[in-house]
Amino acid sequence: MTRFLLAGALAALTLAAPAGATDLASMSQSEREAFRAEVRAYLLDNPEVLMEAIAVLEERQAHQQVAADVALVATNSDEIYNDGYSWVGGNPDGDITLVEFMDYRCGYCRKAYDDVNTLIKTDGNIRFVVKEFPILGEESDLSSRFAIAAQQIAGDEAYEKAHDELITFRGKVSVKSLANLAEKLNLDADAVIARMTSPEVDQVIAANHALAQRLGISGTPTFVLEEQMLRGYVPLAAMQQIVAEVRAQ
């Protein structure tokens, strides 16, 4: 990454010079070598200039990423916010919608779990949508299939309970452990386990993966907050600040 930033910064420095002074194509070999030597000597004498250029480049790239994310969210907004199958919690009539792409075996998703719950409960005006996005192997896939199956068999309340149990579960996830969990939650274990491999559950997981691919999401947790995408774990205080900024717009 540093190598690419350095290359970009050097390009930025070259482009910032007068056009005639940096037309390398029109220079002779000796002139090009002399120019490069001058640039190298200047940067060695003034390394802070290179760091400033890198900072400018990083800021520019960040702005470009934000603009690209806004466009992606706008294009896919119906599937992000109102797909008709993802669990919706918090305040269904809230003035802000927060969407989380999550994986039950993701350590940062588990870390975010308490923060997100606190944010939603203390705010009271956030609509919260969970996107099942298993990407960390078989146990992740089994966990998501169980949660989706529980919702399809027994409704949103069953999903919420299953979700809470799975995100805090510390043992090995298997069909047997999930059957035991179903019994603990007073669900029809046979029906839920059978549903896990159904086309209806396959369709939900496939749709979420396809949506994530269109949005450029490859890791968890990833949050969509109105028109912003927040890639990675965001501490509670930072999330509260972002929510306040969105409301102030």
Protein backbone atom coordinates (compact mmCIF):
# COMPACT_ATOMS: atom_id res chain seq x y z
CA MET A 1 0.00 0.00 0.00
CA THR A 2 2.80 2.43 0.93
CA ARG A 3 4.50 1.72 -2.41
CA PHE A 4 1.36 2.67 -4.32
CA LEU A 5 0.87 5.83 -2.25
CA LEU A 6 4.47 6.87 -2.91
CA ALA A 7 4.04 6.32 -6.63
CA GLY A 8 0.82 8.35 -6.60
CA ALA A 9 2.43 11.13 -4.60
CA LEU A 10 5.39 11.31 -7.00
CA ALA A 11 2.96 11.54 -9.89
CA ALA A 12 1.09 14.32 -8.10
CA LEU A 13 4.33 16.24 -7.57
CA THR A 14 5.29 15.86 -11.21
CA LEU A 15 1.89 17.01 -12.45
CA ALA A 16 1.98 20.01 -10.11
CA ALA A 17 5.03 21.42 -11.88
CA PRO A 18 4.75 23.69 -14.96
CA ALA A 19 3.63 21.73 -18.02
CA GLY A 20 6.72 22.46 -20.10
CA ALA A 21 9.04 21.42 -17.29
CA THR A 22 7.63 17.91 -17.02
CA ASP A 23 7.02 16.89 -20.62
CA LEU A 24 9.18 13.79 -20.28
CA ALA A 25 8.26 12.57 -23.75
CA SER A 26 9.91 15.57 -25.37
CA MET A 27 13.09 15.35 -23.27
CA SER A 28 16.24 13.65 -24.34
CA GLN A 29 17.51 10.70 -22.30
CA SER A 30 20.07 12.89 -20.55
CA GLU A 31 17.45 15.55 -19.79
CA ARG A 32 15.12 12.92 -18.31
CA GLU A 33 17.89 11.54 -16.14
CA ALA A 34 18.80 15.03 -14.95
CA PHE A 35 15.17 15.83 -14.17
CA ARG A 36 14.72 12.63 -12.19
CA ALA A 37 17.92 13.29 -10.27
CA GLU A 38 16.66 16.80 -9.40
CA VAL A 39 13.35 15.42 -8.18
CA ARG A 40 15.08 12.74 -6.12
CA ALA A 41 17.51 15.18 -4.57
CA TYR A 42 14.71 17.61 -3.73
CA LEU A 43 12.63 14.90 -2.05
CA LEU A 44 15.60 13.63 -0.07
CA ASP A 45 16.27 17.16 1.16
CA ASN A 46 12.57 17.86 1.80
CA PRO A 47 10.86 14.56 2.74
CA GLU A 48 8.00 16.44 4.37
CA VAL A 49 6.84 17.45 0.88
CA LEU A 50 6.33 13.81 -0.01
CA MET A 51 4.34 13.20 3.18
CA GLU A 52 2.16 16.21 2.37
CA ALA A 53 1.55 14.84 -1.12
CA ILE A 54 0.62 11.43 0.30
CA ALA A 55 -1.82 13.07 2.72
CA VAL A 56 -3.46 14.99 -0.12
CA LEU A 57 -3.68 11.81 -2.20
CA GLU A 58 -5.26 9.84 0.65
CA GLU A 59 -7.81 12.61 1.27
CA ARG A 60 -8.67 12.74 -2.43
CA GLN A 61 -9.11 8.96 -2.57
CA ALA A 62 -11.32 9.05 0.53
CA HIS A 63 -13.58 11.67 -1.06
CA GLN A 64 -13.76 9.63 -4.25
CA GLN A 65 -14.73 6.51 -2.26
CA VAL A 66 -17.48 8.42 -0.43
CA ALA A 67 -18.89 9.73 -3.70
CA ALA A 68 -18.78 6.25 -5.23
CA ASP A 69 -20.53 4.78 -2.17
CA VAL A 70 -23.30 7.38 -2.33
CA ALA A 71 -23.96 6.45 -5.95
CA LEU A 72 -23.96 2.72 -5.17
CA VAL A 73 -26.40 3.15 -2.29
CA ALA A 74 -28.73 5.27 -4.41
CA THR A 75 -28.73 2.70 -7.22
CA ASN A 76 -29.46 -0.22 -4.85
CA SER A 77 -31.56 1.56 -2.21
CA ASP A 78 -34.69 -0.60 -2.52
CA GLU A 79 -32.78 -3.82 -1.97
CA ILE A 80 -30.73 -2.30 0.84
CA TYR A 81 -33.59 -0.85 2.85
CA ASN A 82 -36.77 -2.65 1.79
CA ASP A 83 -35.99 -6.11 0.42
CA GLY A 84 -39.07 -7.66 2.06
CA TYR A 85 -37.24 -10.47 3.84
CA SER A 86 -34.49 -9.01 6.07
CA TRP A 87 -35.31 -8.65 9.75
CA VAL A 88 -36.21 -5.09 10.79
CA GLY A 89 -35.71 -3.98 14.39
CA GLY A 90 -35.36 -0.80 16.38
CA ASN A 91 -38.06 1.72 15.54
CA PRO A 92 -39.74 0.61 12.27
CA ASP A 93 -40.86 4.24 11.77
CA GLY A 94 -37.51 5.77 12.69
CA ASP A 95 -36.21 8.82 10.87
CA ILE A 96 -32.90 7.06 10.08
CA THR A 97 -32.26 3.54 8.81
CA LEU A 98 -29.12 1.63 9.75
CA VAL A 99 -28.34 -1.55 7.81
CA GLU A 100 -25.70 -4.07 8.91
CA PHE A 101 -24.12 -6.76 6.75
CA MET A 102 -22.92 -9.24 9.36
CA ASP A 103 -21.43 -12.68 9.96
CA TYR A 104 -22.02 -14.51 13.24
CA ARG A 105 -18.44 -15.81 13.42
CA CYS A 106 -16.90 -12.37 12.80
CA GLY A 107 -15.09 -11.05 15.88
CA TYR A 108 -15.74 -7.43 14.97
CA CYS A 109 -19.44 -8.14 14.39
CA ARG A 110 -19.56 -9.54 17.90
CA LYS A 111 -17.73 -6.49 19.19
CA ALA A 112 -20.21 -4.22 17.39
CA TYR A 113 -23.23 -6.11 18.71
CA ASP A 114 -23.44 -4.35 22.10
CA ASP A 115 -22.61 -0.96 20.59
CA VAL A 116 -25.34 -1.26 17.95
CA ASN A 117 -27.90 -2.38 20.54
CA THR A 118 -26.99 0.53 22.80
CA LEU A 119 -27.20 2.99 19.91
CA ILE A 120 -30.64 1.77 18.88
CA LYS A 121 -32.07 1.61 22.40
CA THR A 122 -30.73 4.96 23.58
CA ASP A 123 -31.61 6.78 20.38
CA GLY A 124 -35.12 5.38 20.01
CA ASN A 125 -35.59 6.66 16.47
CA ILE A 126 -33.44 4.35 14.35
CA ARG A 127 -34.80 1.66 12.05
CA PHE A 128 -32.35 -1.26 12.05
CA VAL A 129 -32.05 -3.83 9.24
CA VAL A 130 -29.87 -6.95 9.46
CA LYS A 131 -28.42 -8.52 6.31
CA GLU A 132 -27.26 -12.09 6.78
CA PHE A 133 -23.88 -12.19 5.01
CA PRO A 134 -21.99 -15.39 5.91
CA ILE A 135 -18.45 -15.25 4.49
CA LEU A 136 -16.27 -16.97 7.09
CA GLY A 137 -16.85 -20.61 6.38
CA GLU A 138 -19.24 -23.44 7.16
CA GLU A 139 -20.13 -22.37 10.70
CA SER A 140 -21.01 -18.89 9.46
CA ASP A 141 -23.20 -20.38 6.74
CA LEU A 142 -24.96 -22.75 9.15
CA SER A 143 -25.60 -19.93 11.61
CA SER A 144 -27.15 -17.65 9.00
CA ARG A 145 -29.24 -20.46 7.59
CA PHE A 146 -30.57 -21.23 11.08
CA ALA A 147 -31.51 -17.58 11.74
CA ILE A 148 -33.24 -17.20 8.37
CA ALA A 149 -35.03 -20.53 8.76
CA ALA A 150 -36.22 -19.54 12.24
CA GLN A 151 -37.64 -16.32 10.84
CA GLN A 152 -39.38 -18.08 7.94
CA ILE A 153 -40.84 -20.77 10.19
CA ALA A 154 -41.73 -18.77 13.30
CA GLY A 155 -41.52 -15.06 12.48
CA ASP A 156 -39.50 -11.99 13.40
CA GLU A 157 -39.53 -12.54 17.16
CA ALA A 158 -37.98 -15.98 16.69
CA TYR A 159 -35.35 -14.48 14.40
CA GLU A 160 -34.41 -11.83 16.93
CA LYS A 161 -33.94 -14.42 19.67
CA ALA A 162 -31.93 -16.68 17.36
CA HIS A 163 -29.80 -13.74 16.23
CA ASP A 164 -29.01 -12.74 19.81
CA GLU A 165 -28.07 -16.30 20.73
CA LEU A 166 -25.91 -16.89 17.67
CA ILE A 167 -23.92 -13.67 17.92
CA THR A 168 -22.92 -14.55 21.48
CA PHE A 169 -22.53 -18.32 20.95
CA ARG A 170 -19.06 -19.56 21.87
CA GLY A 171 -19.22 -23.27 21.01
CA LYS A 172 -18.85 -25.11 17.73
CA VAL A 173 -21.75 -24.52 15.38
CA SER A 174 -23.16 -27.75 13.96
CA VAL A 175 -26.53 -29.13 12.98
CA LYS A 176 -26.69 -30.81 16.39
CA SER A 177 -25.88 -27.64 18.35
CA LEU A 178 -28.39 -25.69 16.27
CA ALA A 179 -31.09 -28.30 16.92
CA ASN A 180 -30.39 -27.90 20.64
CA LEU A 181 -30.65 -24.12 20.23
CA ALA A 182 -33.98 -24.48 18.46
CA GLU A 183 -35.33 -26.48 21.40
CA LYS A 184 -33.98 -23.88 23.82
CA LEU A 185 -35.89 -21.21 21.90
CA ASN A 186 -39.07 -23.34 21.89
CA LEU A 187 -38.94 -23.73 18.11
CA ASP A 188 -39.84 -26.81 16.10
CA ALA A 189 -36.28 -28.08 15.75
CA ASP A 190 -37.05 -30.57 12.97
CA ALA A 191 -38.86 -27.94 10.91
CA VAL A 192 -36.13 -25.32 11.33
CA ILE A 193 -33.29 -27.71 10.55
CA ALA A 194 -35.12 -28.98 7.45
CA ARG A 195 -35.79 -25.42 6.31
CA MET A 196 -32.08 -24.49 6.52
CA THR A 197 -31.33 -26.25 3.22
CA SER A 198 -34.47 -25.09 1.43
CA PRO A 199 -34.52 -22.98 -1.77
CA GLU A 200 -36.18 -20.18 0.20
CA VAL A 201 -33.17 -19.87 2.51
CA ASP A 202 -30.74 -20.29 -0.40
CA GLN A 203 -32.44 -17.39 -2.15
CA VAL A 204 -32.00 -15.00 0.80
CA ILE A 205 -28.31 -15.76 1.18
CA ALA A 206 -27.68 -15.57 -2.57
CA ALA A 207 -29.50 -12.23 -2.82
CA ASN A 208 -27.51 -10.75 0.06
CA HIS A 209 -24.22 -11.90 -1.48
CA ALA A 210 -25.19 -10.47 -4.86
CA LEU A 211 -26.15 -7.15 -3.27
CA ALA A 212 -22.90 -7.03 -1.30
CA GLN A 213 -20.95 -7.65 -4.50
CA ARG A 214 -22.68 -4.76 -6.25
CA LEU A 215 -21.91 -2.52 -3.27
CA GLY A 216 -18.27 -3.57 -3.15
CA ILE A 217 -18.69 -5.13 0.30
CA SER A 218 -16.18 -7.88 1.03
CA GLY A 219 -15.90 -7.78 4.83
CA THR A 220 -18.00 -7.62 7.97
CA PRO A 221 -19.36 -5.70 9.64
CA THR A 222 -20.30 -3.21 6.95
CA PHE A 223 -22.96 -0.63 7.77
CA VAL A 224 -25.12 1.43 5.47
CA LEU A 225 -26.39 4.55 7.22
CA GLU A 226 -28.73 6.46 4.96
CA GLU A 227 -26.47 7.17 1.95
CA GLN A 228 -23.15 6.38 3.63
CA MET A 229 -21.28 3.09 3.81
CA LEU A 230 -19.22 2.45 6.94
CA ARG A 231 -16.79 -0.37 6.23
CA GLY A 232 -15.65 -2.10 9.40
CA TYR A 233 -16.26 -1.78 13.13
CA VAL A 234 -17.38 1.68 14.28
CA PRO A 235 -17.27 2.42 18.04
CA LEU A 236 -20.47 3.61 19.70
CA ALA A 237 -19.37 7.22 20.18
CA ALA A 238 -18.35 7.53 16.53
CA MET A 239 -21.61 5.98 15.38
CA GLN A 240 -23.61 8.39 17.54
CA GLN A 241 -21.69 11.30 16.02
CA ILE A 242 -22.36 10.09 12.48
CA VAL A 243 -26.07 9.71 13.25
CA ALA A 244 -26.15 13.27 14.62
CA GLU A 245 -24.40 14.58 11.51
CA VAL A 246 -26.85 12.78 9.22
CA ARG A 247 -29.80 14.27 11.08
CA ALA A 248 -28.26 17.74 10.88
CA GLN A 249 -28.02 17.63 7.09
